[in-house]
N, C-alpha and C. Protein backbone atom coordinates (compact mmCIF):
# COMPACT_ATOMS: atom_id res chain seq x y z
N MET A 1 27.21 5.84 -5.38
CA MET A 1 26.02 6.65 -5.51
C MET A 1 24.83 5.90 -4.92
N LYS A 2 24.01 6.57 -4.15
CA LYS A 2 22.85 5.94 -3.52
C LYS A 2 21.76 5.66 -4.55
N SER A 3 21.09 4.53 -4.33
CA SER A 3 19.94 4.20 -5.16
C SER A 3 18.71 4.92 -4.61
N LYS A 4 17.88 5.42 -5.50
CA LYS A 4 16.68 6.12 -5.07
C LYS A 4 15.46 5.20 -5.09
N ARG A 5 15.69 3.90 -5.23
CA ARG A 5 14.59 2.95 -5.24
C ARG A 5 14.02 2.78 -3.85
N ARG A 6 12.71 2.62 -3.77
CA ARG A 6 12.07 2.35 -2.49
C ARG A 6 12.23 0.88 -2.15
N ASP A 7 12.27 0.59 -0.85
CA ASP A 7 12.25 -0.81 -0.47
C ASP A 7 10.78 -1.24 -0.32
N ASP A 8 10.57 -2.52 -0.05
CA ASP A 8 9.20 -3.04 0.02
C ASP A 8 8.39 -2.37 1.12
N PHE A 9 9.01 -2.08 2.27
CA PHE A 9 8.28 -1.43 3.36
C PHE A 9 7.79 -0.05 2.95
N ASP A 10 8.61 0.68 2.23
CA ASP A 10 8.20 2.01 1.78
C ASP A 10 7.05 1.92 0.77
N THR A 11 7.11 0.94 -0.10
CA THR A 11 6.05 0.75 -1.08
C THR A 11 4.74 0.36 -0.39
N ILE A 12 4.84 -0.55 0.58
CA ILE A 12 3.66 -0.96 1.35
C ILE A 12 3.08 0.23 2.10
N ARG A 13 3.95 1.04 2.70
CA ARG A 13 3.48 2.23 3.41
C ARG A 13 2.71 3.14 2.47
N ASP A 14 3.25 3.37 1.28
CA ASP A 14 2.59 4.24 0.31
C ASP A 14 1.21 3.71 -0.08
N ILE A 15 1.11 2.41 -0.31
CA ILE A 15 -0.17 1.80 -0.68
C ILE A 15 -1.17 1.93 0.46
N LEU A 16 -0.74 1.62 1.67
CA LEU A 16 -1.65 1.70 2.82
C LEU A 16 -2.13 3.12 3.05
N GLN A 17 -1.24 4.10 2.86
CA GLN A 17 -1.64 5.49 3.04
C GLN A 17 -2.68 5.91 2.00
N VAL A 18 -2.50 5.48 0.77
CA VAL A 18 -3.45 5.81 -0.30
C VAL A 18 -4.82 5.19 -0.01
N CYS A 19 -4.82 4.00 0.58
CA CYS A 19 -6.07 3.26 0.78
C CYS A 19 -6.79 3.58 2.08
N VAL A 20 -6.27 4.47 2.88
CA VAL A 20 -6.95 4.83 4.13
C VAL A 20 -8.37 5.31 3.84
N ASN A 21 -8.56 6.04 2.77
CA ASN A 21 -9.88 6.55 2.40
C ASN A 21 -10.49 5.79 1.22
N SER A 22 -10.13 4.54 1.06
CA SER A 22 -10.60 3.67 -0.03
C SER A 22 -10.09 4.16 -1.39
N SER A 23 -9.59 3.23 -2.17
CA SER A 23 -9.06 3.56 -3.49
C SER A 23 -9.22 2.40 -4.45
N THR A 24 -9.35 2.74 -5.72
CA THR A 24 -9.37 1.73 -6.77
C THR A 24 -7.93 1.40 -7.14
N LYS A 25 -7.77 0.31 -7.82
CA LYS A 25 -6.43 -0.12 -8.25
C LYS A 25 -5.77 0.97 -9.11
N THR A 26 -6.53 1.57 -9.99
CA THR A 26 -6.00 2.63 -10.86
C THR A 26 -5.49 3.81 -10.05
N HIS A 27 -6.25 4.20 -9.04
CA HIS A 27 -5.82 5.32 -8.20
C HIS A 27 -4.57 4.96 -7.39
N ILE A 28 -4.50 3.73 -6.90
CA ILE A 28 -3.33 3.29 -6.14
C ILE A 28 -2.08 3.33 -7.01
N VAL A 29 -2.20 2.81 -8.23
CA VAL A 29 -1.07 2.81 -9.17
C VAL A 29 -0.54 4.22 -9.35
N SER A 30 -1.44 5.17 -9.55
CA SER A 30 -1.05 6.55 -9.79
C SER A 30 -0.49 7.21 -8.53
N ALA A 31 -1.22 7.12 -7.43
CA ALA A 31 -0.83 7.82 -6.21
C ALA A 31 0.41 7.23 -5.54
N ALA A 32 0.60 5.92 -5.65
CA ALA A 32 1.75 5.27 -5.02
C ALA A 32 2.92 5.12 -5.99
N ASN A 33 2.78 5.67 -7.18
CA ASN A 33 3.83 5.65 -8.19
C ASN A 33 4.33 4.23 -8.48
N LEU A 34 3.39 3.36 -8.84
CA LEU A 34 3.70 1.98 -9.20
C LEU A 34 3.24 1.73 -10.63
N ASN A 35 3.47 0.52 -11.11
CA ASN A 35 2.95 0.16 -12.42
C ASN A 35 2.03 -1.05 -12.27
N ASN A 36 1.26 -1.35 -13.28
CA ASN A 36 0.29 -2.44 -13.21
C ASN A 36 0.94 -3.79 -12.96
N LYS A 37 2.15 -3.96 -13.41
CA LYS A 37 2.86 -5.23 -13.22
C LYS A 37 3.18 -5.45 -11.74
N ARG A 38 3.58 -4.41 -11.04
CA ARG A 38 4.00 -4.53 -9.65
C ARG A 38 2.85 -4.48 -8.65
N ILE A 39 1.79 -3.75 -8.99
CA ILE A 39 0.72 -3.52 -8.02
C ILE A 39 0.01 -4.81 -7.62
N GLY A 40 -0.15 -5.72 -8.55
CA GLY A 40 -0.88 -6.96 -8.29
C GLY A 40 -0.29 -7.76 -7.14
N LYS A 41 1.02 -7.94 -7.15
CA LYS A 41 1.64 -8.74 -6.08
C LYS A 41 1.51 -8.06 -4.73
N TYR A 42 1.61 -6.74 -4.70
CA TYR A 42 1.48 -6.03 -3.44
C TYR A 42 0.05 -6.10 -2.91
N LEU A 43 -0.94 -5.87 -3.75
CA LEU A 43 -2.33 -5.92 -3.30
C LEU A 43 -2.69 -7.31 -2.80
N GLU A 44 -2.28 -8.33 -3.53
CA GLU A 44 -2.55 -9.70 -3.12
C GLU A 44 -1.92 -9.99 -1.75
N PHE A 45 -0.68 -9.59 -1.57
CA PHE A 45 0.02 -9.80 -0.31
C PHE A 45 -0.66 -9.04 0.84
N LEU A 46 -1.00 -7.77 0.61
CA LEU A 46 -1.59 -6.95 1.67
C LEU A 46 -2.98 -7.44 2.08
N VAL A 47 -3.75 -7.95 1.12
CA VAL A 47 -5.05 -8.53 1.45
C VAL A 47 -4.84 -9.82 2.24
N PHE A 48 -3.90 -10.65 1.80
CA PHE A 48 -3.60 -11.90 2.50
C PHE A 48 -3.16 -11.65 3.94
N MET A 49 -2.37 -10.60 4.15
CA MET A 49 -1.87 -10.26 5.49
C MET A 49 -2.89 -9.46 6.31
N LYS A 50 -4.05 -9.20 5.73
CA LYS A 50 -5.13 -8.48 6.39
C LYS A 50 -4.78 -7.02 6.72
N LEU A 51 -3.89 -6.45 5.92
CA LEU A 51 -3.56 -5.03 6.03
C LEU A 51 -4.50 -4.21 5.16
N LEU A 52 -5.04 -4.84 4.12
CA LEU A 52 -6.04 -4.24 3.23
C LEU A 52 -7.23 -5.17 3.13
N VAL A 53 -8.38 -4.59 2.84
CA VAL A 53 -9.56 -5.38 2.52
C VAL A 53 -10.04 -4.94 1.14
N LYS A 54 -10.45 -5.92 0.34
CA LYS A 54 -10.95 -5.64 -1.01
C LYS A 54 -12.47 -5.78 -0.99
N LYS A 55 -13.15 -4.73 -1.45
CA LYS A 55 -14.61 -4.74 -1.50
C LYS A 55 -15.07 -4.38 -2.90
N SER A 56 -16.25 -4.83 -3.24
CA SER A 56 -16.85 -4.47 -4.53
C SER A 56 -17.81 -3.31 -4.33
N GLU A 57 -17.64 -2.30 -5.15
CA GLU A 57 -18.58 -1.17 -5.19
C GLU A 57 -19.06 -1.06 -6.62
N GLY A 58 -20.22 -1.66 -6.87
CA GLY A 58 -20.71 -1.72 -8.24
C GLY A 58 -19.82 -2.65 -9.04
N LYS A 59 -19.27 -2.15 -10.13
CA LYS A 59 -18.40 -2.95 -10.98
C LYS A 59 -16.92 -2.81 -10.61
N LYS A 60 -16.63 -1.94 -9.66
CA LYS A 60 -15.24 -1.67 -9.30
C LYS A 60 -14.84 -2.38 -8.02
N ALA A 61 -13.58 -2.79 -7.98
CA ALA A 61 -12.98 -3.30 -6.74
C ALA A 61 -12.33 -2.12 -6.04
N VAL A 62 -12.60 -2.00 -4.75
CA VAL A 62 -12.06 -0.90 -3.96
C VAL A 62 -11.28 -1.49 -2.79
N TYR A 63 -10.12 -0.93 -2.52
CA TYR A 63 -9.27 -1.39 -1.43
C TYR A 63 -9.30 -0.37 -0.30
N HIS A 64 -9.35 -0.89 0.92
CA HIS A 64 -9.39 -0.02 2.09
C HIS A 64 -8.42 -0.57 3.14
N THR A 65 -7.66 0.32 3.76
CA THR A 65 -6.73 -0.07 4.81
C THR A 65 -7.52 -0.50 6.04
N THR A 66 -7.19 -1.66 6.58
CA THR A 66 -7.86 -2.19 7.77
C THR A 66 -7.30 -1.51 9.02
N PRO A 67 -7.96 -1.67 10.16
CA PRO A 67 -7.39 -1.14 11.41
C PRO A 67 -6.00 -1.72 11.68
N TYR A 68 -5.79 -2.98 11.36
CA TYR A 68 -4.47 -3.60 11.50
C TYR A 68 -3.46 -2.91 10.59
N GLY A 69 -3.88 -2.57 9.37
CA GLY A 69 -3.02 -1.85 8.44
C GLY A 69 -2.70 -0.46 8.93
N GLU A 70 -3.67 0.19 9.56
CA GLU A 70 -3.42 1.52 10.13
C GLU A 70 -2.43 1.45 11.28
N ASP A 71 -2.50 0.38 12.09
CA ASP A 71 -1.51 0.19 13.15
C ASP A 71 -0.12 -0.01 12.56
N PHE A 72 -0.04 -0.80 11.49
CA PHE A 72 1.23 -1.02 10.79
C PHE A 72 1.80 0.32 10.32
N LEU A 73 0.95 1.16 9.75
CA LEU A 73 1.39 2.48 9.28
C LEU A 73 1.96 3.32 10.42
N LYS A 74 1.26 3.37 11.54
CA LYS A 74 1.72 4.16 12.68
C LYS A 74 3.08 3.69 13.16
N ILE A 75 3.26 2.39 13.25
CA ILE A 75 4.55 1.84 13.69
C ILE A 75 5.63 2.13 12.67
N HIS A 76 5.33 1.90 11.40
CA HIS A 76 6.32 2.11 10.34
C HIS A 76 6.78 3.57 10.28
N LEU A 77 5.87 4.49 10.49
CA LEU A 77 6.22 5.91 10.42
C LEU A 77 7.04 6.37 11.62
N ARG A 78 6.97 5.63 12.73
CA ARG A 78 7.75 5.99 13.93
C ARG A 78 9.16 5.43 13.91
N VAL A 79 9.38 4.34 13.19
CA VAL A 79 10.69 3.69 13.19
C VAL A 79 11.64 4.48 12.29
N PRO A 80 12.78 4.91 12.85
CA PRO A 80 13.73 5.65 12.01
C PRO A 80 14.33 4.75 10.93
N ARG A 81 14.47 5.29 9.77
CA ARG A 81 15.04 4.53 8.64
C ARG A 81 16.55 4.56 8.71
N ALA A 82 17.17 3.42 8.50
CA ALA A 82 18.64 3.34 8.49
C ALA A 82 19.17 4.09 7.28
N GLN A 83 20.30 4.70 7.45
CA GLN A 83 20.91 5.41 6.32
C GLN A 83 21.45 4.39 5.35
N ARG A 84 21.24 4.63 4.09
CA ARG A 84 21.68 3.69 3.04
C ARG A 84 22.78 4.27 2.24
């Protein structure tokens, strides 16, 4: 039976898509179907890799997909996924 779990690339794609129009951590968790335990490592990694940028808007941290992240999204969406 096939597993319905997403791989890391699919999770990263979902996060980058949510953040194209800027998002808070709470919104990312909800829209990308993640939990608070998992989101931290992904956000930290994506900021480190310069796919996301973290900005402060008042008291909130907001994440936005960088142009480099948008390029990653375009490439990822064009590559056919191997059957599992």
